[in-house]
N, C-alpha and C. Protein backbone atom coordinates (compact mmCIF):
# COMPACT_ATOMS: atom_id res chain seq x y z
N MET A 1 56.87 40.46 1.74
CA MET A 1 56.59 40.66 2.74
C MET A 1 55.47 40.36 3.96
N THR A 2 55.24 39.49 4.53
CA THR A 2 54.07 39.45 5.03
C THR A 2 53.40 40.21 6.02
N GLU A 3 52.18 40.73 6.10
CA GLU A 3 51.68 41.66 7.22
C GLU A 3 52.06 40.99 8.43
N PRO A 4 52.16 41.62 9.01
CA PRO A 4 52.38 41.06 10.68
C PRO A 4 50.98 40.72 11.40
N VAL A 5 49.54 41.06 10.99
CA VAL A 5 48.24 40.91 11.38
C VAL A 5 48.68 39.03 11.28
N ASP A 6 48.92 38.80 9.74
CA ASP A 6 48.65 37.43 9.40
C ASP A 6 49.88 36.55 10.32
N ILE A 7 50.83 36.83 10.48
CA ILE A 7 51.86 36.04 10.92
C ILE A 7 50.80 36.10 12.36
N LEU A 8 50.59 36.74 13.18
CA LEU A 8 49.95 37.08 14.41
C LEU A 8 48.91 36.26 14.73
N LYS A 9 48.04 36.30 13.67
CA LYS A 9 46.69 35.60 13.31
C LYS A 9 47.17 33.59 13.70
N ALA A 10 48.17 33.54 12.74
CA ALA A 10 48.72 32.40 12.59
C ALA A 10 49.33 31.53 13.90
N LEU A 11 49.54 32.24 14.49
CA LEU A 11 50.22 32.01 16.19
C LEU A 11 49.13 31.52 17.15
N SER A 12 47.85 32.30 16.78
CA SER A 12 46.82 32.22 17.41
C SER A 12 46.08 31.44 18.05
N ASP A 13 46.51 29.90 17.26
CA ASP A 13 45.27 28.88 17.73
C ASP A 13 46.59 27.97 17.72
N LEU A 14 45.74 26.76 19.03
CA LEU A 14 46.83 26.36 19.60
C LEU A 14 47.19 24.73 18.56
N GLY A 15 46.16 24.45 18.01
CA GLY A 15 46.63 23.58 16.57
C GLY A 15 47.48 23.99 15.63
N ARG A 16 47.68 25.62 15.39
CA ARG A 16 48.78 25.40 14.57
C ARG A 16 50.10 25.79 15.07
N LEU A 17 50.41 26.00 16.46
CA LEU A 17 51.32 26.30 17.52
C LEU A 17 52.11 24.65 17.82
N ARG A 18 51.02 23.69 17.67
CA ARG A 18 51.15 22.55 17.56
C ARG A 18 52.23 21.74 16.17
N ILE A 19 51.19 22.34 15.07
CA ILE A 19 51.76 21.87 14.81
C ILE A 19 53.76 22.79 14.25
N LEU A 20 53.60 23.78 14.72
CA LEU A 20 54.58 24.12 14.23
C LEU A 20 55.93 23.73 15.31
N LYS A 21 55.73 23.22 16.48
CA LYS A 21 56.20 22.46 17.49
C LYS A 21 57.17 20.77 16.82
N MET A 22 55.71 20.34 16.28
CA MET A 22 56.58 19.37 15.58
C MET A 22 57.32 19.60 13.99
N LEU A 23 57.14 20.13 14.20
CA LEU A 23 58.13 20.86 12.24
C LEU A 23 59.11 21.64 12.87
N GLU A 24 59.70 21.57 14.00
CA GLU A 24 61.00 21.79 14.68
C GLU A 24 61.42 20.58 14.66
N VAL A 25 61.06 19.71 15.17
CA VAL A 25 61.59 18.17 14.81
C VAL A 25 61.83 17.64 13.70
N LYS A 26 60.84 17.61 13.00
CA LYS A 26 61.14 17.27 11.69
C LYS A 26 59.97 17.67 10.47
N SER A 27 60.21 17.28 9.27
CA SER A 27 59.35 17.32 8.05
C SER A 27 58.54 16.18 8.46
N LEU A 28 56.88 17.08 8.28
CA LEU A 28 56.04 15.68 8.21
C LEU A 28 54.95 15.89 7.17
N CYS A 29 54.11 14.86 7.08
CA CYS A 29 52.51 15.12 5.92
C CYS A 29 51.59 15.40 6.82
N VAL A 30 50.74 15.71 6.32
CA VAL A 30 49.44 15.79 6.85
C VAL A 30 49.04 14.62 7.30
N CYS A 31 49.05 13.42 7.10
CA CYS A 31 48.70 12.22 7.75
C CYS A 31 49.24 12.13 8.86
N GLU A 32 51.08 12.34 8.59
CA GLU A 32 51.30 12.02 10.00
C GLU A 32 50.76 13.51 11.26
N ILE A 33 50.78 14.54 10.69
CA ILE A 33 50.39 15.63 11.40
C ILE A 33 48.62 14.98 12.17
N THR A 34 48.04 14.72 11.29
CA THR A 34 46.56 14.62 11.54
C THR A 34 46.77 13.56 13.25
N GLU A 35 47.75 12.29 12.18
CA GLU A 35 47.16 11.05 13.61
C GLU A 35 47.91 11.83 14.99
N VAL A 36 49.13 12.53 15.23
CA VAL A 36 49.32 13.08 16.48
C VAL A 36 48.38 14.08 16.95
N ILE A 37 47.78 14.74 16.02
CA ILE A 37 46.90 16.22 17.07
C ILE A 37 45.52 15.43 17.04
N GLY A 38 45.71 14.67 16.14
CA GLY A 38 43.91 13.90 16.12
C GLY A 38 42.70 14.93 16.06
N LEU A 39 43.17 15.85 15.06
CA LEU A 39 41.84 17.15 14.36
C LEU A 39 41.57 16.29 13.25
N ALA A 40 40.43 16.55 12.01
CA ALA A 40 40.40 16.05 11.42
C ALA A 40 41.40 16.91 10.42
N THR A 41 41.26 16.07 9.36
CA THR A 41 42.75 16.23 8.10
C THR A 41 41.94 17.41 7.33
N SER A 42 40.61 17.64 7.09
CA SER A 42 40.81 19.23 6.93
C SER A 42 41.19 20.06 7.65
N THR A 43 41.08 19.72 8.97
CA THR A 43 41.38 21.28 9.96
C THR A 43 42.72 20.90 9.62
N ILE A 44 43.61 20.38 9.74
CA ILE A 44 44.90 20.56 9.45
C ILE A 44 45.10 20.36 8.39
N SER A 45 44.68 20.80 7.30
CA SER A 45 44.82 21.05 6.14
C SER A 45 44.72 22.72 6.23
N ALA A 46 43.58 22.87 7.08
CA ALA A 46 43.46 24.61 7.05
C ALA A 46 44.02 25.06 7.63
N HIS A 47 44.96 24.99 8.59
CA HIS A 47 45.91 24.96 9.32
C HIS A 47 46.80 24.98 8.56
N LEU A 48 47.47 23.96 7.79
CA LEU A 48 49.02 24.45 7.06
C LEU A 48 49.02 25.16 6.24
N SER A 49 47.32 25.65 5.62
CA SER A 49 47.36 26.50 4.54
C SER A 49 47.47 28.11 5.04
N GLN A 50 46.78 27.88 6.08
CA GLN A 50 46.91 29.47 7.28
C GLN A 50 48.58 29.69 7.59
N LEU A 51 49.43 28.95 8.12
CA LEU A 51 50.76 28.63 8.00
C LEU A 51 51.58 29.18 7.03
N ARG A 52 51.33 28.83 5.77
CA ARG A 52 52.32 28.61 5.09
C ARG A 52 51.84 30.15 4.28
N ASN A 53 50.48 30.67 3.96
CA ASN A 53 50.67 32.20 3.77
C ASN A 53 51.05 32.75 4.32
N ALA A 54 51.24 32.68 5.81
CA ALA A 54 51.53 33.68 6.62
C ALA A 54 53.62 33.68 6.19
N GLY A 55 54.06 32.49 5.46
CA GLY A 55 55.16 32.45 5.17
C GLY A 55 55.96 31.68 6.67
N LEU A 56 55.33 31.12 7.94
CA LEU A 56 55.91 30.08 8.32
C LEU A 56 56.82 28.78 7.96
N ILE A 57 55.92 28.13 7.21
CA ILE A 57 56.34 26.46 6.67
C ILE A 57 56.23 26.65 5.39
N GLU A 58 56.76 26.09 4.80
CA GLU A 58 57.26 25.62 3.13
C GLU A 58 56.56 23.77 2.91
N ASP A 59 56.23 23.55 1.73
CA ASP A 59 56.26 22.63 1.73
C ASP A 59 56.75 21.85 0.25
N GLU A 60 56.89 20.41 0.13
CA GLU A 60 58.26 20.21 -0.66
C GLU A 60 57.29 18.55 -1.16
N LYS A 61 57.13 18.09 -2.36
CA LYS A 61 56.78 16.88 -2.67
C LYS A 61 58.20 16.04 -2.48
N GLU A 62 57.64 14.79 -2.07
CA GLU A 62 58.30 14.06 -1.68
C GLU A 62 57.75 12.59 -2.32
N GLY A 63 57.92 11.96 -3.20
CA GLY A 63 57.80 10.83 -4.15
C GLY A 63 55.60 11.05 -3.76
N LYS A 64 55.29 9.95 -2.82
CA LYS A 64 53.50 10.17 -2.51
C LYS A 64 53.05 11.30 -1.81
N TRP A 65 54.26 11.66 -1.40
CA TRP A 65 53.83 12.50 0.28
C TRP A 65 54.23 14.40 -0.28
N ILE A 66 53.69 15.05 0.56
CA ILE A 66 53.79 16.41 0.70
C ILE A 66 53.92 16.75 2.31
N ASN A 67 55.53 17.01 2.05
CA ASN A 67 56.28 17.11 3.43
C ASN A 67 56.44 18.99 3.65
N TYR A 68 56.19 18.94 4.78
CA TYR A 68 55.66 20.15 5.48
C TYR A 68 56.74 20.96 6.49
N ARG A 69 57.67 21.68 6.52
CA ARG A 69 58.05 21.74 7.35
C ARG A 69 58.66 23.56 7.69
N LEU A 70 59.35 23.95 8.87
CA LEU A 70 59.47 25.33 8.86
C LEU A 70 59.92 25.88 7.69
N ALA A 71 59.91 27.21 7.65
CA ALA A 71 60.12 28.31 6.28
C ALA A 71 61.63 28.56 6.77
N ASP A 72 62.74 28.07 5.39
CA ASP A 72 64.14 28.57 5.70
C ASP A 72 64.41 30.11 5.89
N ASP A 73 63.38 30.85 5.61
CA ASP A 73 63.77 32.57 5.50
C ASP A 73 62.19 32.95 5.85
N PRO A 74 61.76 32.71 7.29
CA PRO A 74 60.58 33.69 7.82
C PRO A 74 60.88 34.98 7.57
N ASP A 75 59.59 35.41 8.39
CA ASP A 75 59.72 37.27 8.05
C ASP A 75 59.94 37.17 9.24
N PRO A 76 60.81 38.35 9.47
CA PRO A 76 61.66 38.84 10.65
C PRO A 76 61.04 39.34 12.34
N LEU A 77 59.87 39.51 11.78
CA LEU A 77 58.07 39.36 13.30
C LEU A 77 58.35 37.82 13.62
N PHE A 78 58.57 36.84 12.88
CA PHE A 78 58.24 35.49 13.08
C PHE A 78 59.67 35.17 13.66
N THR A 79 61.01 35.56 13.53
CA THR A 79 62.26 35.06 13.85
C THR A 79 62.38 35.59 15.41
N GLU A 80 61.83 36.70 15.66
CA GLU A 80 62.05 37.59 16.94
C GLU A 80 60.80 37.00 17.73
N LEU A 81 59.98 36.92 17.42
CA LEU A 81 58.91 35.91 18.72
C LEU A 81 59.26 34.83 18.99
N TRP A 82 58.77 34.07 17.95
CA TRP A 82 59.59 32.36 18.17
C TRP A 82 59.62 31.77 18.70
N PRO A 83 60.95 32.09 19.02
CA PRO A 83 62.11 32.10 20.54
C PRO A 83 61.61 31.94 21.64
N LEU A 84 60.89 33.26 21.91
CA LEU A 84 59.83 33.27 22.92
C LEU A 84 59.06 32.84 23.56
N LEU A 85 58.23 32.28 22.19
CA LEU A 85 56.95 31.40 22.05
C LEU A 85 57.14 29.68 22.45
N SER A 86 57.84 29.65 21.94
CA SER A 86 58.82 28.17 21.31
C SER A 86 58.75 27.62 22.86
N ARG A 87 60.04 28.64 23.77
CA ARG A 87 60.47 28.10 25.23
C ARG A 87 59.11 27.96 25.82
N ARG A 88 58.10 29.11 25.99
CA ARG A 88 56.63 28.92 26.74
C ARG A 88 55.55 27.51 26.69
N LEU A 89 56.12 27.41 25.15
CA LEU A 89 55.45 26.22 24.64
C LEU A 89 55.99 25.18 24.57
N ASP A 90 57.36 25.07 25.21
CA ASP A 90 57.95 24.06 25.58
C ASP A 90 57.94 22.83 27.13
N GLU A 91 56.81 24.03 27.74
CA GLU A 91 56.35 24.01 28.64
C GLU A 91 54.98 22.92 28.91
N GLU A 92 54.27 22.76 27.82
CA GLU A 92 53.50 22.28 27.80
C GLU A 92 53.50 20.53 27.55
N ASP A 93 52.55 20.43 28.46
CA ASP A 93 52.78 18.68 28.56
C ASP A 93 52.10 17.88 27.10
N ALA A 94 51.35 18.24 25.98
CA ALA A 94 50.99 18.01 25.04
C ALA A 94 51.80 18.49 23.81
N ILE A 95 52.62 19.29 24.01
CA ILE A 95 53.05 19.92 23.05
C ILE A 95 54.25 19.34 23.50
N CYS A 96 55.24 18.59 24.44
CA CYS A 96 55.98 17.59 24.48
C CYS A 96 55.82 16.03 23.89
N SER A 97 54.79 15.87 24.11
CA SER A 97 53.85 14.42 24.04
C SER A 97 53.77 14.48 22.10
N ASP A 98 53.68 15.73 21.51
CA ASP A 98 53.58 15.74 20.30
C ASP A 98 54.80 15.75 19.35
N ARG A 99 55.66 16.17 20.02
CA ARG A 99 56.75 16.29 19.49
C ARG A 99 57.78 14.67 19.50
N GLU A 100 57.28 14.08 20.73
CA GLU A 100 57.97 12.93 21.16
C GLU A 100 57.13 11.86 20.24
N GLN A 101 55.94 11.64 19.68
CA GLN A 101 55.14 11.13 18.91
C GLN A 101 55.80 11.14 17.65
N ALA A 102 56.05 12.73 16.97
CA ALA A 102 56.20 13.16 15.82
C ALA A 102 57.99 12.26 15.24
N CYS A 103 58.41 11.87 16.77
CA CYS A 103 60.26 11.67 16.28
C CYS A 103 59.60 10.11 16.06
N HIS A 104 59.04 9.26 16.37
CA HIS A 104 58.63 7.77 15.93
C HIS A 104 57.49 7.80 15.20
N ILE A 105 56.91 8.86 14.63
CA ILE A 105 55.62 8.14 13.43
C ILE A 105 56.16 7.21 12.40
N ASP A 106 55.36 6.34 11.78
CA ASP A 106 56.15 5.94 10.65
C ASP A 106 55.15 5.97 9.64
N ARG A 107 55.13 6.87 8.39
CA ARG A 107 54.11 7.50 7.65
C ARG A 107 53.90 6.02 7.14
N HIS A 108 54.39 5.31 6.72
CA HIS A 108 54.20 4.02 5.77
C HIS A 108 52.87 3.16 6.63
N ARG A 109 52.61 3.02 7.79
CA ARG A 109 52.04 2.67 8.78
C ARG A 109 50.42 3.41 8.56
N ILE A 110 50.96 4.80 8.41
CA ILE A 110 49.32 5.56 8.52
C ILE A 110 48.66 5.88 7.38
N CYS A 111 49.39 6.33 6.48
CA CYS A 111 49.48 7.45 5.65
C CYS A 111 48.29 6.13 4.43
N SER A 112 47.65 7.01 4.27
CA SER A 112 46.19 5.73 2.78
C SER A 112 47.78 6.34 1.52
N ALA A 113 48.76 6.63 1.48
CA ALA A 113 49.36 6.90 0.42
C ALA A 113 50.49 5.94 0.40
N GLY A 114 50.94 5.11 1.46
CA GLY A 114 51.75 4.78 2.12
C GLY A 114 51.08 3.20 1.15
N LYS A 115 49.79 2.71 1.13
CA LYS A 115 48.95 1.49 1.30
C LYS A 115 49.24 0.62 -0.18
């Protein structure tokens, strides 16, 4: 079981929250997340690592890509907190924009792995 402080730390950064909200829409690779959020790939990778270490996301290799998705069985603390936090985040324009872009992103166009 994940320590509560690890979950709370993972939820304490807007970039990580934006990633979680996009992963509600669909599984994404690092380059797709980077394209939408606009942070450096190294920063996105660090965020994904912290989310994975907290047990909030999982990854899966698919051909050339590693896809990230919300964890199938996250810690009960996250299961309790996320619906409340998620509803609040849904009111943010940037979050809504991220989710819309995530729906329509074309990894074959943006990812160097797809070239």
